[in-house]
Amino acid sequence: MASLPGYIAAETKSGSVSRFFKSPLRLSAALAHRSLSRKRVGLALLITFYLLSLLGGFIAPYNFRSQSRATPYLPPMRIHFFDEQGRFHARPFIYRPQLVDPLRLSYAEERVRRYALVFFTRGESYELLGLFTSSRHLAGVEGGDEAPRLHLLGTDVLGRDLLARVLYGGSISLLIGPLGLLLAYVIGVSLGAIAGYYGGVTDALLMRAAEVMMSLPSLVLILALRAAFPLSITPRQVATMMLVIFAVVGWAEVARLTRGLAAAERRRDYIAAAIVGGSRDSRIIARHILPNISRPLVTQFALSAPAFILAEIALSFLGVGVQEPLASWGTLLAEAQDISVLKNYLWMTTPAVLIFLTALAFHLLGESGDQAEEQV
């Protein structure tokens, strides 16, 4: 039987030992690459959704309030490049939809005349980025008022363009939820850092207040806070109301997390050195403690964002958040909750698909950050 040193020498010469020690490095590199790929996918989805929502007035051919009573529940329109004779046309075109069954609201294309699409055309006015008014749209239909309207995602019961309403609703749901979470983080991180750094009575008072807030049912607390506002309010008041509600509901959990991280960091030697050096408490918290606990806080922010977006959607769905004629993904889902709508007009569930993809994107970002933290 070969001796152990001779066996190791033989295996080293054959490369088996080298592969054994390299495999953990390869595994770590593979995990890092997989985490980076997920992060890129999530980031790409979020950037796409936010750009589409912010530029929704330009991308959609019509204002989200505009109605076409002649085409209720119109299915998504087809864009053609080939006519009835099979000839190719470089400019895409559509046919006029015709209501063939008013009872079932079924449509057919009138293939008598083609209506070419035009790009960067003028149409109904809208507010771009909430800063200025414009009437320039990405696409429209040639022919003026006599031409049919272009509905790429179909229409709702009032003939309103679903694409315009989905994009405008995204600007509400995707902004109010994360902004409310950001405000909750500002309050929670500040109070949690103070409690973790000072400890004692300060820590006890702040954490007992946080525990009281966390013990209350979130939905009941949200509805109670909503009752403090009038039923009929302006869009600006709706945004303010949502931010206040989310800040009140969300700060406690953030404060608990920050307190634990700050208390652990408080016991480190470099914090003691900073105290002995005469640094102010506010400087120690802001310049030393918070930067060193930021990674888990950012990861938790990404993982918590879908919950706040869903909270806004739930409030609007229940009719106590954004209300008609405004649009959010919650109000659009409320229109699709009827079983007959789900059965016959499946395109009305488009907001549900976007909500799922948004939650998935935030999850991919938070998961990649969590894996990066474990590898560190």
Protein backbone atom coordinates (compact mmCIF):
# COMPACT_ATOMS: atom_id res chain seq x y z
CA MET A 1 0.00 0.00 0.00
CA ALA A 2 1.35 3.43 -0.95
CA SER A 3 2.33 5.77 1.86
CA LEU A 4 0.26 8.89 2.54
CA PRO A 5 2.98 11.35 1.42
CA GLY A 6 3.43 9.35 -1.78
CA TYR A 7 -0.36 9.33 -2.40
CA ILE A 8 -0.61 13.10 -1.90
CA ALA A 9 2.34 13.65 -4.22
CA ALA A 10 0.76 11.45 -6.89
CA GLU A 11 -2.62 13.17 -6.60
CA THR A 12 -0.99 16.59 -6.70
CA LYS A 13 0.85 15.62 -9.85
CA SER A 14 -2.40 14.43 -11.47
CA GLY A 15 -4.21 17.66 -10.52
CA SER A 16 -6.94 16.17 -8.29
CA VAL A 17 -5.86 18.10 -5.18
CA SER A 18 -5.61 21.29 -7.21
CA ARG A 19 -9.13 20.81 -8.51
CA PHE A 20 -10.36 20.10 -4.97
CA PHE A 21 -9.06 23.41 -3.64
CA LYS A 22 -10.15 25.34 -6.73
CA SER A 23 -13.75 24.06 -6.66
CA PRO A 24 -14.86 26.27 -3.72
CA LEU A 25 -13.45 29.28 -5.54
CA ARG A 26 -15.27 28.30 -8.71
CA LEU A 27 -18.48 27.77 -6.73
CA SER A 28 -18.14 31.17 -5.09
CA ALA A 29 -17.52 32.81 -8.48
CA ALA A 30 -20.56 31.03 -9.95
CA LEU A 31 -22.76 32.20 -7.07
CA ALA A 32 -21.49 35.75 -7.41
CA HIS A 33 -22.19 35.69 -11.17
CA ARG A 34 -25.68 34.31 -10.57
CA SER A 35 -26.37 36.99 -7.94
CA LEU A 36 -25.15 39.71 -10.31
CA SER A 37 -27.33 38.35 -13.12
CA ARG A 38 -30.41 38.41 -10.90
CA LYS A 39 -29.61 41.93 -9.78
CA ARG A 40 -29.29 43.07 -13.39
CA VAL A 41 -32.62 41.50 -14.32
CA GLY A 42 -34.40 43.10 -11.36
CA LEU A 43 -32.78 46.47 -11.97
CA ALA A 44 -33.63 46.36 -15.68
CA LEU A 45 -37.28 45.57 -14.91
CA LEU A 46 -37.57 48.40 -12.40
CA ILE A 47 -35.88 50.95 -14.67
CA THR A 48 -38.20 49.93 -17.50
CA PHE A 49 -41.34 50.20 -15.37
CA TYR A 50 -40.39 53.55 -13.87
CA LEU A 51 -39.47 55.06 -17.25
CA LEU A 52 -42.69 53.82 -18.82
CA SER A 53 -44.73 55.22 -15.92
CA LEU A 54 -43.01 58.61 -15.85
CA LEU A 55 -43.28 58.97 -19.63
CA GLY A 56 -46.73 57.42 -19.79
CA GLY A 57 -48.43 60.54 -21.16
CA PHE A 58 -46.03 60.58 -24.09
CA ILE A 59 -46.10 56.83 -24.75
CA ALA A 60 -49.88 56.43 -24.55
CA PRO A 61 -51.80 57.88 -27.52
CA TYR A 62 -54.53 59.43 -25.34
CA ASN A 63 -55.11 60.99 -21.96
CA PHE A 64 -56.02 58.46 -19.27
CA ARG A 65 -59.32 60.31 -18.65
CA SER A 66 -60.38 60.39 -22.31
CA GLN A 67 -63.45 58.26 -23.10
CA SER A 68 -64.77 56.59 -26.24
CA ARG A 69 -68.28 55.42 -25.40
CA ALA A 70 -68.61 53.70 -28.79
CA THR A 71 -65.96 51.10 -27.95
CA PRO A 72 -66.46 49.75 -24.41
CA TYR A 73 -64.34 46.70 -23.56
CA LEU A 74 -62.59 46.82 -26.91
CA PRO A 75 -59.93 44.07 -27.05
CA PRO A 76 -56.31 44.99 -27.84
CA MET A 77 -56.09 46.15 -31.44
CA ARG A 78 -53.91 44.39 -33.99
CA ILE A 79 -51.25 46.31 -35.90
CA HIS A 80 -50.89 45.14 -39.49
CA PHE A 81 -48.10 45.22 -42.04
CA PHE A 82 -49.90 43.12 -44.70
CA ASP A 83 -53.23 44.05 -46.28
CA GLU A 84 -56.04 41.80 -47.51
CA GLN A 85 -54.19 41.05 -50.75
CA GLY A 86 -51.04 40.04 -48.87
CA ARG A 87 -49.07 43.12 -49.89
CA PHE A 88 -46.49 44.40 -47.43
CA HIS A 89 -46.66 48.00 -46.18
CA ALA A 90 -43.65 49.62 -44.54
CA ARG A 91 -45.90 51.86 -42.44
CA PRO A 92 -47.95 49.87 -39.92
CA PHE A 93 -51.70 50.38 -40.03
CA ILE A 94 -54.91 49.39 -38.29
CA TYR A 95 -58.51 48.75 -39.32
CA ARG A 96 -61.56 50.35 -37.76
CA PRO A 97 -63.19 48.10 -35.13
CA GLN A 98 -66.89 47.41 -35.60
CA LEU A 99 -69.25 46.36 -32.83
CA VAL A 100 -70.98 43.23 -34.12
CA ASP A 101 -72.69 42.04 -30.93
CA PRO A 102 -73.77 44.83 -28.53
CA LEU A 103 -74.88 42.29 -25.93
CA ARG A 104 -71.59 40.41 -25.70
CA LEU A 105 -69.50 43.41 -26.79
CA SER A 106 -67.70 41.51 -29.52
CA TYR A 107 -65.90 43.36 -32.30
CA ALA A 108 -64.65 42.70 -35.82
CA GLU A 109 -62.34 44.66 -38.10
CA GLU A 110 -63.78 46.66 -41.00
CA ARG A 111 -61.20 45.83 -43.63
CA VAL A 112 -62.44 48.43 -46.07
CA ARG A 113 -59.94 51.18 -45.36
CA ARG A 114 -56.48 51.17 -43.85
CA TYR A 115 -55.46 53.78 -41.27
CA ALA A 116 -51.72 54.27 -41.12
CA LEU A 117 -49.94 55.01 -37.84
CA VAL A 118 -48.00 58.24 -37.42
CA PHE A 119 -45.26 58.80 -34.89
CA PHE A 120 -44.36 61.77 -32.71
CA THR A 121 -47.73 63.29 -33.51
CA ARG A 122 -49.80 65.81 -31.58
CA GLY A 123 -52.92 64.80 -29.73
CA GLU A 124 -54.57 65.21 -26.35
CA SER A 125 -52.68 67.22 -23.75
CA TYR A 126 -51.11 65.69 -20.67
CA GLU A 127 -48.63 66.55 -17.92
CA LEU A 128 -45.15 65.23 -18.59
CA LEU A 129 -43.27 64.26 -15.40
CA GLY A 130 -45.77 66.44 -13.52
CA LEU A 131 -43.77 69.52 -14.50
CA PHE A 132 -45.14 70.86 -17.77
CA THR A 133 -47.95 70.25 -20.25
CA SER A 134 -47.41 68.68 -23.65
CA SER A 135 -49.52 67.29 -26.49
CA ARG A 136 -46.80 65.29 -28.26
CA HIS A 137 -47.40 61.52 -28.35
CA LEU A 138 -45.24 58.63 -29.47
CA ALA A 139 -47.86 57.26 -31.88
CA GLY A 140 -51.25 58.10 -33.30
CA VAL A 141 -53.57 57.34 -36.21
CA GLU A 142 -53.56 59.24 -39.48
CA GLY A 143 -56.89 60.73 -40.55
CA GLY A 144 -57.83 63.21 -37.84
CA ASP A 145 -61.12 62.95 -36.00
CA GLU A 146 -62.58 60.51 -38.54
CA ALA A 147 -59.90 57.91 -37.87
CA PRO A 148 -60.42 55.14 -35.31
CA ARG A 149 -58.63 55.36 -32.00
CA LEU A 150 -55.54 53.28 -31.30
CA HIS A 151 -55.92 51.02 -28.25
CA LEU A 152 -52.95 48.68 -27.95
CA LEU A 153 -54.14 47.17 -24.64
CA GLY A 154 -57.85 47.60 -25.28
CA THR A 155 -60.35 49.73 -23.36
CA ASP A 156 -62.38 49.55 -20.16
CA VAL A 157 -66.13 49.77 -19.65
CA LEU A 158 -66.14 53.51 -20.46
CA GLY A 159 -63.95 53.15 -23.53
CA ARG A 160 -60.89 54.63 -21.83
CA ASP A 161 -57.52 53.55 -23.16
CA LEU A 162 -56.16 50.84 -20.86
CA LEU A 163 -52.54 51.53 -21.83
CA ALA A 164 -52.85 55.16 -20.73
CA ARG A 165 -54.53 54.18 -17.47
CA VAL A 166 -52.01 51.44 -16.70
CA LEU A 167 -49.07 53.79 -17.27
CA TYR A 168 -50.63 56.59 -15.23
CA GLY A 169 -51.60 54.13 -12.49
CA GLY A 170 -48.02 52.90 -12.42
CA SER A 171 -46.77 56.41 -11.77
CA ILE A 172 -49.02 56.48 -8.69
CA SER A 173 -48.39 52.98 -7.34
CA LEU A 174 -44.65 52.85 -8.09
CA LEU A 175 -43.94 56.28 -6.57
CA ILE A 176 -46.20 56.58 -3.53
CA GLY A 177 -45.29 53.17 -2.07
CA PRO A 178 -41.47 53.55 -2.19
CA LEU A 179 -41.66 57.22 -1.15
CA GLY A 180 -43.75 56.27 1.86
CA LEU A 181 -41.25 53.54 2.69
CA LEU A 182 -38.40 56.05 2.34
CA LEU A 183 -40.12 58.40 4.78
CA ALA A 184 -40.66 55.49 7.19
CA TYR A 185 -36.96 54.65 6.86
CA VAL A 186 -35.89 58.21 7.65
CA ILE A 187 -37.94 58.12 10.86
CA GLY A 188 -37.15 54.52 11.78
CA VAL A 189 -33.41 54.67 11.10
CA SER A 190 -33.07 57.92 13.07
CA LEU A 191 -34.93 56.63 16.12
CA GLY A 192 -33.36 53.17 15.93
CA ALA A 193 -29.83 54.56 15.73
CA ILE A 194 -30.48 56.82 18.73
CA ALA A 195 -31.91 53.92 20.75
CA GLY A 196 -29.05 51.58 19.86
CA TYR A 197 -26.36 54.13 20.55
CA TYR A 198 -27.58 55.54 23.86
CA GLY A 199 -29.32 52.47 25.30
CA GLY A 200 -30.85 52.66 28.78
CA VAL A 201 -34.07 54.60 29.26
CA THR A 202 -33.95 56.10 25.76
CA ASP A 203 -33.72 52.65 24.24
CA ALA A 204 -36.52 51.29 26.43
CA LEU A 205 -38.95 54.12 25.65
CA LEU A 206 -38.39 54.11 21.90
CA MET A 207 -38.53 50.34 21.57
CA ARG A 208 -41.68 50.05 23.67
CA ALA A 209 -43.33 52.61 21.39
CA ALA A 210 -42.17 50.60 18.37
CA GLU A 211 -43.54 47.39 19.86
CA VAL A 212 -46.91 49.04 20.47
CA MET A 213 -47.04 50.13 16.82
CA MET A 214 -46.03 46.67 15.61
CA SER A 215 -48.67 44.99 17.76
CA LEU A 216 -51.49 46.86 16.01
CA PRO A 217 -52.97 45.19 12.89
CA SER A 218 -51.55 47.05 9.92
CA LEU A 219 -54.70 47.06 7.81
CA VAL A 220 -56.88 48.25 10.72
CA LEU A 221 -54.36 51.01 11.49
CA ILE A 222 -54.25 52.08 7.84
CA LEU A 223 -58.04 52.26 7.63
CA ALA A 224 -58.19 54.21 10.90
CA LEU A 225 -55.66 56.73 9.61
CA ARG A 226 -57.56 56.99 6.33
CA ALA A 227 -60.72 57.87 8.26
CA ALA A 228 -58.95 60.98 9.56
CA PHE A 229 -58.97 62.42 6.03
CA PRO A 230 -62.06 63.58 4.10
CA LEU A 231 -63.53 61.24 1.51
CA SER A 232 -63.27 63.70 -1.38
CA ILE A 233 -59.68 64.94 -1.68
CA THR A 234 -57.43 66.21 -4.45
CA PRO A 235 -54.63 64.11 -6.00
CA ARG A 236 -52.01 66.06 -4.05
CA GLN A 237 -53.89 65.38 -0.82
CA VAL A 238 -54.13 61.69 -1.75
CA ALA A 239 -50.34 61.51 -2.11
CA THR A 240 -49.82 63.32 1.19
CA MET A 241 -52.30 61.04 2.94
CA MET A 242 -50.59 57.91 1.64
CA LEU A 243 -47.14 59.12 2.67
CA VAL A 244 -48.34 59.93 6.19
CA ILE A 245 -50.07 56.55 6.55
CA PHE A 246 -47.07 54.57 5.33
CA ALA A 247 -44.65 56.52 7.51
CA VAL A 248 -46.77 55.91 10.63
CA VAL A 249 -47.25 52.23 9.87
CA GLY A 250 -43.73 51.39 8.71
CA TRP A 251 -41.26 53.18 10.98
CA ALA A 252 -41.46 50.74 13.93
CA GLU A 253 -40.07 47.66 12.17
CA VAL A 254 -37.25 49.72 10.66
CA ALA A 255 -36.43 51.18 14.06
CA ARG A 256 -36.19 47.71 15.61
CA LEU A 257 -33.81 46.50 12.92
CA THR A 258 -31.66 49.63 13.11
CA ARG A 259 -31.53 49.52 16.90
CA GLY A 260 -30.11 45.98 16.91
CA LEU A 261 -27.49 46.81 14.28
CA ALA A 262 -26.50 50.08 15.98
CA ALA A 263 -26.25 48.45 19.43
CA ALA A 264 -23.89 45.79 18.05
CA GLU A 265 -21.80 48.42 16.28
CA ARG A 266 -21.72 50.58 19.42
CA ARG A 267 -19.56 47.99 21.21
CA ARG A 268 -16.78 48.01 18.63
CA ASP A 269 -13.35 49.42 19.41
CA TYR A 270 -13.35 52.15 16.79
CA ILE A 271 -16.53 53.64 18.32
CA ALA A 272 -14.84 53.70 21.74
CA ALA A 273 -11.83 55.38 20.13
CA ALA A 274 -14.07 58.02 18.55
CA ILE A 275 -15.74 58.70 21.91
CA VAL A 276 -12.39 59.02 23.66
CA GLY A 277 -11.22 61.31 20.85
CA GLY A 278 -14.00 63.75 21.71
CA SER A 279 -16.26 63.24 18.67
CA ARG A 280 -19.84 64.38 19.09
CA ASP A 281 -22.55 61.74 19.38
CA SER A 282 -24.30 62.97 16.26
CA ARG A 283 -21.06 62.73 14.28
CA ILE A 284 -20.38 59.20 15.54
CA ILE A 285 -23.87 58.06 14.56
CA ALA A 286 -23.84 59.77 11.16
CA ARG A 287 -20.21 59.17 10.12
CA HIS A 288 -19.36 55.85 11.77
CA ILE A 289 -22.39 53.76 12.76
CA LEU A 290 -24.87 54.37 9.93
CA PRO A 291 -22.41 53.80 7.04
CA ASN A 292 -21.36 50.46 8.56
CA ILE A 293 -24.92 49.18 8.97
CA SER A 294 -26.24 50.49 5.65
CA ARG A 295 -25.95 47.22 3.70
CA PRO A 296 -28.61 45.24 5.63
CA LEU A 297 -30.81 48.34 5.73
CA VAL A 298 -30.67 48.75 1.95
CA THR A 299 -31.39 45.04 1.49
CA GLN A 300 -34.39 45.29 3.81
CA PHE A 301 -35.60 48.37 1.93
CA ALA A 302 -35.61 46.44 -1.35
CA LEU A 303 -37.44 43.52 0.26
CA SER A 304 -40.00 45.80 1.94
CA ALA A 305 -40.80 47.95 -1.10
CA PRO A 306 -43.28 45.45 -2.66
CA ALA A 307 -45.27 45.37 0.59
CA PHE A 308 -45.71 49.15 0.53
CA ILE A 309 -46.62 49.13 -3.15
CA LEU A 310 -49.18 46.42 -2.42
CA ALA A 311 -50.49 48.48 0.51
CA GLU A 312 -51.24 51.41 -1.81
CA ILE A 313 -52.83 49.02 -4.30
CA ALA A 314 -54.95 47.45 -1.55
CA LEU A 315 -56.20 50.84 -0.33
CA SER A 316 -57.15 51.89 -3.85
CA PHE A 317 -58.74 48.50 -4.49
CA LEU A 318 -60.89 48.92 -1.37
CA GLY A 319 -61.90 52.42 -2.47
CA VAL A 320 -60.19 54.36 0.33
CA GLY A 321 -57.06 55.38 -1.59
CA VAL A 322 -56.88 56.72 -5.13
CA GLN A 323 -60.39 57.06 -6.52
CA GLU A 324 -62.03 57.66 -9.88
CA PRO A 325 -61.48 59.39 -12.23
CA LEU A 326 -57.83 59.00 -11.21
CA ALA A 327 -56.16 55.67 -11.79
CA SER A 328 -53.82 53.41 -9.90
CA TRP A 329 -53.16 49.72 -10.27
CA GLY A 330 -55.54 49.14 -7.35
CA THR A 331 -58.48 50.93 -8.98
CA LEU A 332 -57.80 49.07 -12.24
CA LEU A 333 -57.87 45.74 -10.38
CA ALA A 334 -61.15 46.76 -8.74
CA GLU A 335 -62.66 47.17 -12.20
CA ALA A 336 -61.57 43.62 -13.08
CA GLN A 337 -62.83 41.87 -9.93
CA ASP A 338 -66.18 40.93 -11.46
CA ILE A 339 -66.23 37.32 -12.63
CA SER A 340 -67.83 38.25 -15.96
CA VAL A 341 -65.00 40.70 -16.66
CA LEU A 342 -62.37 38.07 -15.85
CA LYS A 343 -64.11 35.58 -18.11
CA ASN A 344 -64.76 37.79 -21.13
CA TYR A 345 -62.24 40.65 -20.98
CA LEU A 346 -58.96 39.08 -19.89
CA TRP A 347 -56.87 42.12 -20.88
CA MET A 348 -58.30 43.95 -17.86
CA THR A 349 -55.96 41.83 -15.68
CA THR A 350 -52.87 43.53 -17.17
CA PRO A 351 -52.20 45.44 -13.89
CA ALA A 352 -51.97 42.11 -12.02
CA VAL A 353 -49.16 40.98 -14.31
CA LEU A 354 -47.29 44.25 -13.80
CA ILE A 355 -47.70 44.02 -10.02
CA PHE A 356 -46.23 40.51 -10.05
CA LEU A 357 -43.25 41.58 -12.19
CA THR A 358 -42.60 44.62 -9.98
CA ALA A 359 -42.60 42.51 -6.81
CA LEU A 360 -40.32 40.00 -8.53
CA ALA A 361 -37.89 42.76 -9.56
CA PHE A 362 -37.61 44.11 -6.01
CA HIS A 363 -37.19 40.56 -4.71
CA LEU A 364 -34.32 39.90 -7.14
CA LEU A 365 -32.59 43.09 -6.02
CA GLY A 366 -33.02 42.31 -2.34
CA GLU A 367 -31.99 38.67 -2.75
CA SER A 368 -28.80 39.60 -4.64
CA GLY A 369 -27.90 42.12 -1.95
CA ASP A 370 -28.51 39.51 0.75
CA GLN A 371 -26.27 36.98 -1.00
CA ALA A 372 -23.55 39.58 -1.46
CA GLU A 373 -23.71 40.36 2.25
CA GLU A 374 -23.35 36.65 3.15
CA GLN A 375 -20.32 36.30 0.89
CA VAL A 376 -18.70 39.29 2.55
